[in-house]
Amino acid sequence: MVDADWWSVLRALDEPVAPVEGIGPELILRAMVEGRIPEPMAAALNERVARGEGGGLEVPRDFDHAAAQGRFDRLAERLSEAYGCSCDSGLAQDSACFGSVWIPAEASRSHTKRTRIRLSLQVSVSNFGGLATYGPSSQNGHTPYLHPDDRQRIEQALVGLGYLIVPRHILATPYDGPNGWVFGTTADATWFTRFFDHF
């Protein structure tokens, strides 16, 4: 796909969610820091779900959790088989990301360019449209080199399960979709933030 096709896909998946009156970026950020949702915010969000509007930001209206969980579990199994080791996996919370699978550095052939230190890799899948992305789980300020063997194994597992792999340069561009109110005017939100990060 060319970049213009990716923008069409991402914008089509980005369901606009109108701000709930009285709930802005500051309140959302405070709720994340405190680790609890204030009662008025929870009530407003529950009312929206009851009207059939869905969460919108974290999951699309037609989200099938059981199907997403089954496919994610198969992804973790396939990556573990492909690498001949157990790959840890975990589900995300308060995020449009469903979960991630981590490939240990010892099994990876990817490394930093200058120091050639092996890198652990992270494969993340979104709640939206079967989107997926992957890369080093931590670079520690070094430029990563993703080995073609790692790319092949990861992409084969993702494509085999019907995931759509979004290029990193697309996800790194500033978010300009309809839900910018969530991130505030000064936030450095990207399309990665929208579909793979915490709110």
C-alpha atoms as a PDB file:
ATOM      1  CA  MET A   1       0.000   0.000   0.000  1.00  0.00           C
ATOM      2  CA  VAL A   2       1.126   3.546  -0.667  1.00  0.00           C
ATOM      3  CA  ASP A   3       0.984   6.182   2.074  1.00  0.00           C
ATOM      4  CA  ALA A   4      -2.299   7.658   0.790  1.00  0.00           C
ATOM      5  CA  ASP A   5      -3.951   4.242   1.150  1.00  0.00           C
ATOM      6  CA  TRP A   6      -2.750   3.998   4.740  1.00  0.00           C
ATOM      7  CA  TRP A   7      -4.230   7.404   5.568  1.00  0.00           C
ATOM      8  CA  SER A   8      -7.553   6.258   4.130  1.00  0.00           C
ATOM      9  CA  VAL A   9      -7.480   3.077   6.229  1.00  0.00           C
ATOM     10  CA  LEU A  10      -6.552   4.838   9.476  1.00  0.00           C
ATOM     11  CA  ARG A  11      -9.074   7.631   9.043  1.00  0.00           C
ATOM     12  CA  ALA A  12     -11.824   5.125   8.237  1.00  0.00           C
ATOM     13  CA  LEU A  13     -11.063   3.229  11.469  1.00  0.00           C
ATOM     14  CA  ASP A  14     -10.853   6.381  13.599  1.00  0.00           C
ATOM     15  CA  GLU A  15     -14.464   6.640  14.743  1.00  0.00           C
ATOM     16  CA  PRO A  16     -15.135  10.212  15.829  1.00  0.00           C
ATOM     17  CA  VAL A  17     -16.208  10.364  19.448  1.00  0.00           C
ATOM     18  CA  ALA A  18     -17.709  13.624  20.625  1.00  0.00           C
ATOM     19  CA  PRO A  19     -16.308  14.885  23.888  1.00  0.00           C
ATOM     20  CA  VAL A  20     -18.502  14.158  26.866  1.00  0.00           C
ATOM     21  CA  GLU A  21     -19.479  17.486  28.399  1.00  0.00           C
ATOM     22  CA  GLY A  22     -17.210  18.286  31.299  1.00  0.00           C
ATOM     23  CA  ILE A  23     -14.686  15.584  30.405  1.00  0.00           C
ATOM     24  CA  GLY A  24     -11.629  17.027  28.731  1.00  0.00           C
ATOM     25  CA  PRO A  25      -7.989  16.010  28.399  1.00  0.00           C
ATOM     26  CA  GLU A  26      -7.158  17.304  31.895  1.00  0.00           C
ATOM     27  CA  LEU A  27      -9.768  15.112  33.588  1.00  0.00           C
ATOM     28  CA  ILE A  28      -8.738  12.080  31.527  1.00  0.00           C
ATOM     29  CA  LEU A  29      -5.074  12.654  32.423  1.00  0.00           C
ATOM     30  CA  ARG A  30      -5.936  13.064  36.115  1.00  0.00           C
ATOM     31  CA  ALA A  31      -7.932   9.818  36.040  1.00  0.00           C
ATOM     32  CA  MET A  32      -4.947   8.016  34.495  1.00  0.00           C
ATOM     33  CA  VAL A  33      -2.534   9.411  37.105  1.00  0.00           C
ATOM     34  CA  GLU A  34      -4.850   8.597  40.021  1.00  0.00           C
ATOM     35  CA  GLY A  35      -5.685   5.189  38.611  1.00  0.00           C
ATOM     36  CA  ARG A  36      -9.427   5.619  39.034  1.00  0.00           C
ATOM     37  CA  ILE A  37     -12.243   7.108  36.996  1.00  0.00           C
ATOM     38  CA  PRO A  38     -14.262   9.798  38.813  1.00  0.00           C
ATOM     39  CA  GLU A  39     -17.944   8.876  39.234  1.00  0.00           C
ATOM     40  CA  PRO A  40     -19.317  11.609  36.882  1.00  0.00           C
ATOM     41  CA  MET A  41     -16.917  10.501  34.158  1.00  0.00           C
ATOM     42  CA  ALA A  42     -17.782   6.809  34.615  1.00  0.00           C
ATOM     43  CA  ALA A  43     -21.514   7.607  34.548  1.00  0.00           C
ATOM     44  CA  ALA A  44     -21.193   9.635  31.338  1.00  0.00           C
ATOM     45  CA  LEU A  45     -19.171   6.920  29.633  1.00  0.00           C
ATOM     46  CA  ASN A  46     -21.568   4.182  30.793  1.00  0.00           C
ATOM     47  CA  GLU A  47     -24.502   6.201  29.455  1.00  0.00           C
ATOM     48  CA  ARG A  48     -22.770   6.436  26.085  1.00  0.00           C
ATOM     49  CA  VAL A  49     -22.249   2.654  25.999  1.00  0.00           C
ATOM     50  CA  ALA A  50     -25.896   2.083  27.024  1.00  0.00           C
ATOM     51  CA  ARG A  51     -27.014   4.195  24.054  1.00  0.00           C
ATOM     52  CA  GLY A  52     -25.020   1.864  21.794  1.00  0.00           C
ATOM     53  CA  GLU A  53     -22.358   4.422  20.997  1.00  0.00           C
ATOM     54  CA  GLY A  54     -19.542   2.214  22.304  1.00  0.00           C
ATOM     55  CA  GLY A  55     -16.294   3.390  23.790  1.00  0.00           C
ATOM     56  CA  GLY A  56     -15.052   4.627  20.438  1.00  0.00           C
ATOM     57  CA  LEU A  57     -11.628   5.607  21.696  1.00  0.00           C
ATOM     58  CA  GLU A  58     -10.505   2.260  23.075  1.00  0.00           C
ATOM     59  CA  VAL A  59     -12.647  -0.140  21.047  1.00  0.00           C
ATOM     60  CA  PRO A  60     -14.765   0.228  17.914  1.00  0.00           C
ATOM     61  CA  ARG A  61     -18.532  -0.265  17.997  1.00  0.00           C
ATOM     62  CA  ASP A  62     -18.325  -3.734  16.424  1.00  0.00           C
ATOM     63  CA  PHE A  63     -15.490  -4.993  18.663  1.00  0.00           C
ATOM     64  CA  ASP A  64     -15.576  -8.744  19.367  1.00  0.00           C
ATOM     65  CA  HIS A  65     -13.406  -9.289  22.435  1.00  0.00           C
ATOM     66  CA  ALA A  66     -13.540 -13.116  22.304  1.00  0.00           C
ATOM     67  CA  ALA A  67     -12.429 -13.189  18.652  1.00  0.00           C
ATOM     68  CA  ALA A  68      -9.656 -10.646  19.314  1.00  0.00           C
ATOM     69  CA  GLN A  69      -8.460 -12.661  22.319  1.00  0.00           C
ATOM     70  CA  GLY A  70      -8.398 -15.907  20.329  1.00  0.00           C
ATOM     71  CA  ARG A  71      -6.426 -14.373  17.480  1.00  0.00           C
ATOM     72  CA  PHE A  72      -4.011 -12.695  19.905  1.00  0.00           C
ATOM     73  CA  ASP A  73      -3.399 -15.984  21.737  1.00  0.00           C
ATOM     74  CA  ARG A  74      -2.665 -17.690  18.400  1.00  0.00           C
ATOM     75  CA  LEU A  75      -0.218 -14.891  17.547  1.00  0.00           C
ATOM     76  CA  ALA A  76       1.679 -15.446  20.814  1.00  0.00           C
ATOM     77  CA  GLU A  77       1.796 -19.189  20.072  1.00  0.00           C
ATOM     78  CA  ARG A  78       3.003 -18.686  16.492  1.00  0.00           C
ATOM     79  CA  LEU A  79       5.748 -16.292  17.545  1.00  0.00           C
ATOM     80  CA  SER A  80       6.851 -18.665  20.305  1.00  0.00           C
ATOM     81  CA  GLU A  81       7.019 -21.483  17.732  1.00  0.00           C
ATOM     82  CA  ALA A  82       8.821 -19.312  15.176  1.00  0.00           C
ATOM     83  CA  TYR A  83      11.471 -18.323  17.717  1.00  0.00           C
ATOM     84  CA  GLY A  84      11.694 -21.653  19.540  1.00  0.00           C
ATOM     85  CA  CYS A  85      11.141 -20.042  22.928  1.00  0.00           C
ATOM     86  CA  SER A  86       8.351 -18.736  25.089  1.00  0.00           C
ATOM     87  CA  CYS A  87       7.396 -15.200  24.115  1.00  0.00           C
ATOM     88  CA  ASP A  88       5.712 -13.241  26.897  1.00  0.00           C
ATOM     89  CA  SER A  89       2.442 -11.534  26.084  1.00  0.00           C
ATOM     90  CA  GLY A  90       0.170  -9.110  27.867  1.00  0.00           C
ATOM     91  CA  LEU A  91      -3.064  -7.233  27.367  1.00  0.00           C
ATOM     92  CA  ALA A  92      -3.244  -3.451  27.414  1.00  0.00           C
ATOM     93  CA  GLN A  93      -5.576  -1.382  29.594  1.00  0.00           C
ATOM     94  CA  ASP A  94      -7.015   2.096  28.950  1.00  0.00           C
ATOM     95  CA  SER A  95      -5.692   1.850  25.420  1.00  0.00           C
ATOM     96  CA  ALA A  96      -6.699   1.239  21.825  1.00  0.00           C
ATOM     97  CA  CYS A  97      -3.994  -1.438  21.840  1.00  0.00           C
ATOM     98  CA  PHE A  98      -5.328  -4.926  22.520  1.00  0.00           C
ATOM     99  CA  GLY A  99      -1.998  -6.376  23.609  1.00  0.00           C
ATOM    100  CA  SER A 100       1.650  -7.033  22.878  1.00  0.00           C
ATOM    101  CA  VAL A 101       3.974 -10.002  22.483  1.00  0.00           C
ATOM    102  CA  TRP A 102       7.650  -9.644  23.436  1.00  0.00           C
ATOM    103  CA  ILE A 103      10.406 -11.580  21.678  1.00  0.00           C
ATOM    104  CA  PRO A 104      13.447 -11.922  23.959  1.00  0.00           C
ATOM    105  CA  ALA A 105      16.758 -10.425  22.858  1.00  0.00           C
ATOM    106  CA  GLU A 106      18.433 -13.846  23.057  1.00  0.00           C
ATOM    107  CA  ALA A 107      16.103 -15.163  20.333  1.00  0.00           C
ATOM    108  CA  SER A 108      16.170 -12.051  18.159  1.00  0.00           C
ATOM    109  CA  ARG A 109      18.747 -11.374  15.449  1.00  0.00           C
ATOM    110  CA  SER A 110      18.043  -7.628  15.519  1.00  0.00           C
ATOM    111  CA  HIS A 111      20.578  -5.387  17.246  1.00  0.00           C
ATOM    112  CA  THR A 112      21.773  -1.846  17.700  1.00  0.00           C
ATOM    113  CA  LYS A 113      23.761  -0.608  14.716  1.00  0.00           C
ATOM    114  CA  ARG A 114      26.800   0.725  16.506  1.00  0.00           C
ATOM    115  CA  THR A 115      27.181  -1.501  19.544  1.00  0.00           C
ATOM    116  CA  ARG A 116      25.518  -4.588  18.011  1.00  0.00           C
ATOM    117  CA  ILE A 117      23.706  -5.312  21.280  1.00  0.00           C
ATOM    118  CA  ARG A 118      20.813  -7.663  20.631  1.00  0.00           C
ATOM    119  CA  LEU A 119      17.346  -6.149  20.920  1.00  0.00           C
ATOM    120  CA  SER A 120      14.159  -7.605  22.296  1.00  0.00           C
ATOM    121  CA  LEU A 121      11.234  -6.984  19.962  1.00  0.00           C
ATOM    122  CA  GLN A 122       7.651  -5.995  20.654  1.00  0.00           C
ATOM    123  CA  VAL A 123       4.714  -6.937  18.435  1.00  0.00           C
ATOM    124  CA  SER A 124       1.557  -4.947  19.202  1.00  0.00           C
ATOM    125  CA  VAL A 125      -1.973  -5.346  17.891  1.00  0.00           C
ATOM    126  CA  SER A 126      -4.730  -2.758  17.998  1.00  0.00           C
ATOM    127  CA  ASN A 127      -8.399  -3.113  18.874  1.00  0.00           C
ATOM    128  CA  PHE A 128      -9.122  -1.399  15.557  1.00  0.00           C
ATOM    129  CA  GLY A 129      -9.229  -3.120  12.176  1.00  0.00           C
ATOM    130  CA  GLY A 130      -6.709  -5.819  12.978  1.00  0.00           C
ATOM    131  CA  LEU A 131      -3.897  -3.253  12.846  1.00  0.00           C
ATOM    132  CA  ALA A 132      -0.472  -4.407  14.006  1.00  0.00           C
ATOM    133  CA  THR A 133       3.018  -2.993  14.312  1.00  0.00           C
ATOM    134  CA  TYR A 134       6.388  -4.197  15.578  1.00  0.00           C
ATOM    135  CA  GLY A 135       9.841  -2.968  16.446  1.00  0.00           C
ATOM    136  CA  PRO A 136      12.426  -2.892  19.218  1.00  0.00           C
ATOM    137  CA  SER A 137      10.861  -2.859  22.671  1.00  0.00           C
ATOM    138  CA  SER A 138      13.610  -0.503  23.858  1.00  0.00           C
ATOM    139  CA  GLN A 139      16.393   1.231  21.955  1.00  0.00           C
ATOM    140  CA  ASN A 140      18.175   2.975  24.836  1.00  0.00           C
ATOM    141  CA  GLY A 141      19.131   5.849  22.538  1.00  0.00           C
ATOM    142  CA  HIS A 142      20.724   3.571  19.928  1.00  0.00           C
ATOM    143  CA  THR A 143      19.776   3.194  16.281  1.00  0.00           C
ATOM    144  CA  PRO A 144      18.153  -0.208  15.802  1.00  0.00           C
ATOM    145  CA  TYR A 145      18.809  -2.651  12.994  1.00  0.00           C
ATOM    146  CA  LEU A 146      15.837  -4.932  12.374  1.00  0.00           C
ATOM    147  CA  HIS A 147      17.206  -8.135  10.908  1.00  0.00           C
ATOM    148  CA  PRO A 148      15.391  -9.445   7.786  1.00  0.00           C
ATOM    149  CA  ASP A 149      14.979 -12.822   9.502  1.00  0.00           C
ATOM    150  CA  ASP A 150      13.048 -11.182  12.366  1.00  0.00           C
ATOM    151  CA  ARG A 151      10.946  -9.191   9.904  1.00  0.00           C
ATOM    152  CA  GLN A 152      10.066 -12.346   7.989  1.00  0.00           C
ATOM    153  CA  ARG A 153       9.105 -14.369  11.072  1.00  0.00           C
ATOM    154  CA  ILE A 154       7.017 -11.613  12.615  1.00  0.00           C
ATOM    155  CA  GLU A 155       5.284 -10.602   9.388  1.00  0.00           C
ATOM    156  CA  GLN A 156       4.541 -14.217   8.486  1.00  0.00           C
ATOM    157  CA  ALA A 157       2.851 -14.736  11.875  1.00  0.00           C
ATOM    158  CA  LEU A 158       0.870 -11.484  11.602  1.00  0.00           C
ATOM    159  CA  VAL A 159      -0.233 -11.868   7.989  1.00  0.00           C
ATOM    160  CA  GLY A 160      -1.091 -15.534   8.552  1.00  0.00           C
ATOM    161  CA  LEU A 161      -3.622 -14.417  11.163  1.00  0.00           C
ATOM    162  CA  GLY A 162      -5.047 -11.617   9.048  1.00  0.00           C
ATOM    163  CA  TYR A 163      -3.417  -8.671  10.801  1.00  0.00           C
ATOM    164  CA  LEU A 164      -2.655  -5.535   8.787  1.00  0.00           C
ATOM    165  CA  ILE A 165       0.922  -4.353   9.463  1.00  0.00           C
ATOM    166  CA  VAL A 166       1.102  -0.555   9.573  1.00  0.00           C
ATOM    167  CA  PRO A 167       4.504   0.910   8.630  1.00  0.00           C
ATOM    168  CA  ARG A 168       6.268   2.680  11.504  1.00  0.00           C
ATOM    169  CA  HIS A 169       6.703   5.929   9.539  1.00  0.00           C
ATOM    170  CA  ILE A 170       2.924   6.174   9.105  1.00  0.00           C
ATOM    171  CA  LEU A 171       2.320   5.654  12.831  1.00  0.00           C
ATOM    172  CA  ALA A 172       5.018   8.218  13.709  1.00  0.00           C
ATOM    173  CA  THR A 173       3.248  11.101  11.963  1.00  0.00           C
ATOM    174  CA  PRO A 174       1.298  13.636  14.051  1.00  0.00           C
ATOM    175  CA  TYR A 175      -2.279  12.650  14.806  1.00  0.00           C
ATOM    176  CA  ASP A 176      -4.746  14.880  12.990  1.00  0.00           C
ATOM    177  CA  GLY A 177      -7.914  12.824  13.330  1.00  0.00           C
ATOM    178  CA  PRO A 178     -11.291  13.774  14.803  1.00  0.00           C
ATOM    179  CA  ASN A 179     -10.470  12.728  18.378  1.00  0.00           C
ATOM    180  CA  GLY A 180      -7.731  15.251  19.034  1.00  0.00           C
ATOM    181  CA  TRP A 181      -9.704  16.596  22.004  1.00  0.00           C
ATOM    182  CA  VAL A 182      -8.505  13.568  23.983  1.00  0.00           C
ATOM    183  CA  PHE A 183      -4.849  14.500  23.643  1.00  0.00           C
ATOM    184  CA  GLY A 184      -5.162  18.261  24.114  1.00  0.00           C
ATOM    185  CA  THR A 185      -3.765  21.051  21.987  1.00  0.00           C
ATOM    186  CA  THR A 186      -0.152  20.769  23.156  1.00  0.00           C
ATOM    187  CA  ALA A 187       0.148  16.991  23.088  1.00  0.00           C
ATOM    188  CA  ASP A 188       2.613  15.332  20.746  1.00  0.00           C
ATOM    189  CA  ALA A 189       0.092  12.677  19.761  1.00  0.00           C
ATOM    190  CA  THR A 190       0.824  10.503  16.734  1.00  0.00           C
ATOM    191  CA  TRP A 191      -1.216   7.869  14.913  1.00  0.00           C
ATOM    192  CA  PHE A 192       0.665   5.360  17.080  1.00  0.00           C
ATOM    193  CA  THR A 193      -0.775   7.166  20.112  1.00  0.00           C
ATOM    194  CA  ARG A 194      -4.268   6.854  18.664  1.00  0.00           C
ATOM    195  CA  PHE A 195      -4.227   3.132  17.872  1.00  0.00           C
ATOM    196  CA  PHE A 196      -1.490   1.600  20.044  1.00  0.00           C
ATOM    197  CA  ASP A 197      -0.836   3.727  23.122  1.00  0.00           C
ATOM    198  CA  HIS A 198      -2.532   4.579  26.418  1.00  0.00           C
ATOM    199  CA  PHE A 199      -5.012   7.428  26.650  1.00  0.00           C
END
